[in-house]
Amino acid sequence: MGRVLMSTICVTGTASGIGAATKQKLEAQGHRVIGVDLRDADVCGDLSQPADRLRIVDEVNALCGGVLDGLVPCAGVSTPVPNELIVRVNFFGTLAIVNGLRPALEKGTNSAVVMISSNSTTMTPGLSVDDAMAYLQQDEETVVARFSSPAAFVAYPAGKLAIAFWVRSSAADWMKSGIRLNAVAPGVIDTEMTRPLLDMPGVKDSLDMIPIPRGRWGQPEEIANAIAFLGSQEASYIVGQTLFVDGGTDALLQPTAHPHPLPGGPKS
């Protein structure tokens, strides 16, 4: 990301969905993309496995010569996979790759990381800040146990909220190393991960109830466009933010949610 013609960017989850669209977008802009996925990628591995996380970092470093200009950890899973995989892949696997590749990003040019959050973080009934903070404050096995019940439907949005919190709280420190951290929060996107939900009892009805002012589901390419922007030098002054790319759902449901004034600060 940036204006250097041959920037080297690592994208996880490139075999399908948003990751595949992001890889295609960045390559069309002239960047070199190192893809990571379970299959059909430059580096293949399972983010749910600690040993694979370490190997992935090592192999990406070998391919980029220890210098990265960008990172987009798109790899993720959702219902109907077990909550354990959601916890391990979406948060702990993602953070292992991001933190593991930080030294390479520190050596890059105009380096940027664009994380993947979700608009489910602001529209899931029953989701609490405590659920998200558990990801940030507790070890992996404890969080896996917390969401071990199949009925713990908040495992996914809680992890995505934790990603948004992590970006916001880590951005200043990473910026000291010349690395911009931001995130996108997609809405309902037409991908291989989302379509199977339509066949689950009750889930299709829930998806149909989501108000989308744009009038349709999003396309992976629309998320890739936002990712490419946030990772580019055109977004050089955007730091620590989560950009909702959801067809207007979050704004419709929470028109006065932002900004939150400081306690005791000026009131409008």
Protein backbone atom coordinates (compact mmCIF):
# COMPACT_ATOMS: atom_id res chain seq x y z
CA MET A 1 0.00 0.00 0.00
CA GLY A 2 1.26 3.45 -0.75
CA ARG A 3 2.37 4.91 -4.06
CA VAL A 4 5.46 2.75 -4.53
CA LEU A 5 4.76 0.70 -7.65
CA MET A 6 5.96 -2.60 -6.30
CA SER A 7 4.92 -2.45 -2.68
CA THR A 8 4.83 -5.89 -1.10
CA ILE A 9 1.64 -6.67 0.79
CA CYS A 10 0.59 -9.81 2.64
CA VAL A 11 -3.11 -10.71 2.48
CA THR A 12 -4.56 -13.65 4.37
CA GLY A 13 -7.70 -15.46 3.26
CA THR A 14 -6.88 -15.02 -0.44
CA ALA A 15 -8.54 -18.25 -1.63
CA SER A 16 -12.03 -16.73 -1.57
CA GLY A 17 -14.30 -13.84 -0.64
CA ILE A 18 -12.96 -10.49 0.52
CA GLY A 19 -9.39 -11.78 0.64
CA ALA A 20 -9.49 -12.90 -2.99
CA ALA A 21 -11.05 -9.60 -4.08
CA THR A 22 -8.43 -7.65 -2.12
CA LYS A 23 -5.59 -9.60 -3.70
CA GLN A 24 -7.01 -8.93 -7.16
CA LYS A 25 -7.48 -5.21 -6.42
CA LEU A 26 -3.99 -4.71 -5.05
CA GLU A 27 -2.34 -6.64 -7.86
CA ALA A 28 -4.26 -4.56 -10.39
CA GLN A 29 -2.73 -1.48 -8.74
CA GLY A 30 0.75 -2.87 -9.33
CA HIS A 31 1.50 -4.28 -5.88
CA ARG A 32 3.06 -7.63 -5.17
CA VAL A 33 0.73 -9.70 -2.97
CA ILE A 34 1.81 -12.64 -0.82
CA GLY A 35 -1.35 -14.69 -0.28
CA VAL A 36 -2.03 -16.85 2.76
CA ASP A 37 -4.81 -19.41 3.12
CA LEU A 38 -5.55 -23.04 3.88
CA ARG A 39 -5.06 -23.84 0.19
CA ASP A 40 -4.34 -22.23 -3.17
CA ALA A 41 -2.00 -19.61 -1.75
CA ASP A 42 1.67 -18.64 -1.68
CA VAL A 43 1.76 -19.71 1.96
CA CYS A 44 -0.65 -22.39 3.15
CA GLY A 45 -1.52 -22.93 6.80
CA ASP A 46 -4.21 -23.09 9.45
CA LEU A 47 -4.54 -19.98 11.63
CA SER A 48 -6.27 -21.99 14.34
CA GLN A 49 -3.00 -23.86 15.01
CA PRO A 50 -0.25 -22.07 16.97
CA ALA A 51 2.52 -23.96 15.17
CA ASP A 52 1.09 -23.02 11.78
CA ARG A 53 0.89 -19.36 12.80
CA LEU A 54 4.62 -19.33 13.51
CA ARG A 55 5.39 -21.14 10.26
CA ILE A 56 3.22 -18.75 8.25
CA VAL A 57 5.10 -15.77 9.68
CA ASP A 58 8.43 -17.42 8.87
CA GLU A 59 7.40 -18.27 5.29
CA VAL A 60 5.99 -14.81 4.60
CA ASN A 61 9.20 -13.28 5.93
CA ALA A 62 11.21 -15.55 3.64
CA LEU A 63 9.14 -14.53 0.61
CA CYS A 64 9.30 -10.80 1.32
CA GLY A 65 12.90 -10.75 2.44
CA GLY A 66 11.86 -9.48 5.87
CA VAL A 67 10.35 -6.28 4.43
CA LEU A 68 6.59 -5.69 4.10
CA ASP A 69 4.76 -2.51 3.10
CA GLY A 70 1.28 -3.70 4.01
CA LEU A 71 -0.78 -6.41 5.67
CA VAL A 72 -4.47 -7.26 5.30
CA PRO A 73 -5.54 -10.16 7.56
CA CYS A 74 -8.79 -11.10 5.80
CA ALA A 75 -8.89 -14.76 6.84
CA GLY A 76 -11.89 -15.53 9.01
CA VAL A 77 -14.70 -17.97 9.72
CA SER A 78 -18.27 -17.69 10.90
CA THR A 79 -21.32 -19.79 11.75
CA PRO A 80 -21.87 -22.70 11.21
CA VAL A 81 -18.27 -23.54 12.18
CA PRO A 82 -17.70 -24.25 15.90
CA ASN A 83 -17.13 -21.28 18.18
CA GLU A 84 -13.69 -22.63 19.03
CA LEU A 85 -12.56 -22.06 15.44
CA ILE A 86 -14.16 -18.61 15.38
CA VAL A 87 -12.18 -17.63 18.47
CA ARG A 88 -8.90 -19.17 17.36
CA VAL A 89 -8.92 -17.98 13.74
CA ASN A 90 -10.65 -14.60 13.79
CA PHE A 91 -8.86 -13.08 16.75
CA PHE A 92 -5.93 -15.06 18.10
CA GLY A 93 -4.77 -16.35 14.72
CA THR A 94 -5.14 -12.92 13.19
CA LEU A 95 -3.24 -11.17 15.98
CA ALA A 96 -0.47 -13.77 15.87
CA ILE A 97 0.13 -12.99 12.20
CA VAL A 98 -0.14 -9.22 12.65
CA ASN A 99 2.22 -9.12 15.63
CA GLY A 100 4.54 -11.67 14.07
CA LEU A 101 4.96 -9.59 10.92
CA ARG A 102 5.40 -6.28 12.73
CA PRO A 103 9.22 -6.33 12.38
CA ALA A 104 8.87 -6.72 8.60
CA LEU A 105 6.32 -3.90 8.47
CA GLU A 106 8.65 -1.65 10.46
CA LYS A 107 11.18 -2.00 7.62
CA GLY A 108 8.62 -1.23 4.91
CA THR A 109 7.71 2.01 3.15
CA ASN A 110 4.55 3.84 4.25
CA SER A 111 3.48 0.62 5.96
CA ALA A 112 -0.16 0.04 6.78
CA VAL A 113 -2.29 -2.71 8.31
CA VAL A 114 -6.00 -2.94 7.54
CA MET A 115 -7.88 -5.27 9.87
CA ILE A 116 -11.34 -6.78 9.34
CA SER A 117 -13.98 -5.95 11.94
CA SER A 118 -17.75 -6.17 11.28
CA ASN A 119 -20.92 -4.13 11.58
CA SER A 120 -22.22 -6.97 13.77
CA THR A 121 -20.23 -5.22 16.52
CA THR A 122 -22.91 -2.54 16.82
CA MET A 123 -26.08 -4.42 15.93
CA THR A 124 -25.93 -7.77 17.78
CA PRO A 125 -28.45 -8.05 20.64
CA GLY A 126 -26.84 -9.26 23.84
CA LEU A 127 -23.28 -8.36 22.86
CA SER A 128 -21.44 -6.69 25.73
CA VAL A 129 -18.16 -4.83 26.02
CA ASP A 130 -17.10 -7.50 28.52
CA ASP A 131 -17.40 -10.14 25.80
CA ALA A 132 -14.98 -8.18 23.62
CA MET A 133 -12.61 -7.31 26.47
CA ALA A 134 -12.29 -11.00 27.30
CA TYR A 135 -10.44 -11.44 24.00
CA LEU A 136 -8.06 -8.62 24.88
CA GLN A 137 -7.50 -9.48 28.53
CA GLN A 138 -7.56 -13.28 28.70
CA ASP A 139 -5.50 -16.07 27.16
CA GLU A 140 -6.71 -18.05 24.17
CA GLU A 141 -7.82 -21.18 26.01
CA THR A 142 -9.82 -19.15 28.53
CA VAL A 143 -11.65 -17.33 25.74
CA VAL A 144 -12.31 -20.61 23.92
CA ALA A 145 -13.87 -21.96 27.13
CA ARG A 146 -15.92 -18.78 27.61
CA PHE A 147 -17.63 -19.27 24.26
CA SER A 148 -17.69 -23.08 24.29
CA SER A 149 -21.47 -23.32 24.25
CA PRO A 150 -22.95 -23.54 20.72
CA ALA A 151 -25.55 -21.05 21.97
CA ALA A 152 -22.84 -18.43 22.57
CA PHE A 153 -23.68 -16.65 19.34
CA VAL A 154 -21.73 -13.56 20.39
CA ALA A 155 -18.35 -15.26 19.86
CA TYR A 156 -18.13 -13.81 16.33
CA PRO A 157 -19.23 -10.19 16.96
CA ALA A 158 -17.31 -10.09 20.25
CA GLY A 159 -14.12 -11.06 18.45
CA LYS A 160 -14.71 -8.49 15.74
CA LEU A 161 -15.38 -5.83 18.37
CA ALA A 162 -12.14 -6.83 20.06
CA ILE A 163 -10.37 -6.28 16.73
CA ALA A 164 -11.79 -2.75 16.53
CA PHE A 165 -10.77 -2.06 20.15
CA TRP A 166 -7.27 -3.44 19.48
CA VAL A 167 -6.82 -1.22 16.43
CA ARG A 168 -7.89 1.86 18.33
CA SER A 169 -5.79 1.15 21.42
CA SER A 170 -2.67 0.02 19.52
CA ALA A 171 -2.62 2.62 16.74
CA ALA A 172 -0.49 5.23 18.53
CA ASP A 173 2.21 2.73 19.48
CA TRP A 174 2.38 1.23 15.99
CA MET A 175 2.48 4.70 14.44
CA LYS A 176 5.71 5.33 16.36
CA SER A 177 7.15 2.54 14.21
CA GLY A 178 5.76 4.11 11.05
CA ILE A 179 2.87 1.66 10.68
CA ARG A 180 -0.72 2.87 10.31
CA LEU A 181 -3.41 0.64 11.82
CA ASN A 182 -7.02 0.85 10.66
CA ALA A 183 -9.94 -1.51 10.07
CA VAL A 184 -12.99 -1.94 7.91
CA ALA A 185 -16.32 -3.15 9.29
CA PRO A 186 -18.22 -4.88 6.48
CA GLY A 187 -21.94 -5.44 6.57
CA VAL A 188 -23.59 -8.46 4.95
CA ILE A 189 -21.34 -9.33 2.02
CA ASP A 190 -22.15 -11.84 -0.72
CA THR A 191 -19.34 -14.38 -0.17
CA GLU A 192 -18.83 -18.11 0.17
CA MET A 193 -18.90 -17.61 3.95
CA THR A 194 -22.26 -15.82 3.97
CA ARG A 195 -24.31 -17.75 1.43
CA PRO A 196 -24.51 -21.02 3.46
CA LEU A 197 -26.22 -19.05 6.24
CA LEU A 198 -29.29 -18.79 4.03
CA ASP A 199 -29.83 -22.54 4.41
CA MET A 200 -29.79 -22.48 8.22
CA PRO A 201 -33.18 -22.46 9.98
CA GLY A 202 -34.03 -18.97 11.19
CA VAL A 203 -30.81 -17.40 9.96
CA LYS A 204 -32.19 -16.34 6.59
CA ASP A 205 -35.06 -14.59 8.36
CA SER A 206 -32.58 -12.78 10.61
CA LEU A 207 -30.49 -11.68 7.64
CA ASP A 208 -33.60 -10.48 5.82
CA MET A 209 -34.47 -8.32 8.82
CA ILE A 210 -31.22 -6.34 8.62
CA PRO A 211 -32.05 -2.89 7.21
CA ILE A 212 -29.67 -1.89 4.43
CA PRO A 213 -30.36 1.58 3.03
CA ARG A 214 -28.29 0.70 -0.05
CA GLY A 215 -30.94 -1.92 -0.77
CA ARG A 216 -28.72 -4.97 -1.27
CA TRP A 217 -25.89 -7.04 0.10
CA GLY A 218 -22.39 -5.79 -0.51
CA GLN A 219 -19.92 -7.30 -2.95
CA PRO A 220 -16.39 -8.41 -1.97
CA GLU A 221 -14.94 -5.94 -4.45
CA GLU A 222 -16.60 -3.05 -2.58
CA ILE A 223 -14.82 -4.04 0.62
CA ALA A 224 -11.57 -4.51 -1.28
CA ASN A 225 -11.88 -0.95 -2.60
CA ALA A 226 -12.15 0.40 0.96
CA ILE A 227 -9.22 -1.74 2.11
CA ALA A 228 -7.05 -0.53 -0.75
CA PHE A 229 -7.87 3.08 0.10
CA LEU A 230 -7.11 2.72 3.81
CA GLY A 231 -3.81 1.06 3.01
CA SER A 232 -2.74 3.69 0.50
CA GLN A 233 -0.96 7.00 0.97
CA GLU A 234 -4.22 8.70 0.04
CA ALA A 235 -5.33 7.72 3.57
CA SER A 236 -2.04 8.75 5.18
CA TYR A 237 -3.70 10.82 7.92
CA ILE A 238 -6.25 8.15 8.90
CA VAL A 239 -5.00 6.31 11.99
CA GLY A 240 -6.77 3.99 14.43
CA GLN A 241 -10.18 4.12 12.74
CA THR A 242 -12.80 1.54 11.83
CA LEU A 243 -14.57 2.35 8.58
CA PHE A 244 -18.08 0.89 8.28
CA VAL A 245 -18.69 -0.41 4.77
CA ASP A 246 -22.19 -1.76 5.24
CA GLY A 247 -24.54 0.01 2.89
CA GLY A 248 -25.66 2.40 5.63
CA THR A 249 -26.94 -0.06 8.24
CA ASP A 250 -24.88 1.21 11.17
CA ALA A 251 -25.75 4.84 10.47
CA LEU A 252 -29.45 3.99 10.19
CA LEU A 253 -29.53 2.10 13.48
CA GLN A 254 -27.29 4.49 15.43
CA PRO A 255 -27.59 7.95 13.91
CA THR A 256 -26.34 9.74 17.05
CA ALA A 257 -23.85 7.17 18.34
CA HIS A 258 -20.74 9.22 17.51
CA PRO A 259 -18.89 11.04 18.74
CA HIS A 260 -19.00 10.06 22.40
CA PRO A 261 -18.09 13.13 24.51
CA LEU A 262 -15.45 12.81 27.21
CA PRO A 263 -16.84 12.48 30.76
CA GLY A 264 -17.14 15.99 32.15
CA GLY A 265 -16.25 17.47 28.78
CA PRO A 266 -18.23 19.92 26.70
CA LYS A 267 -21.78 18.93 25.83
CA SER A 268 -23.64 19.80 22.70
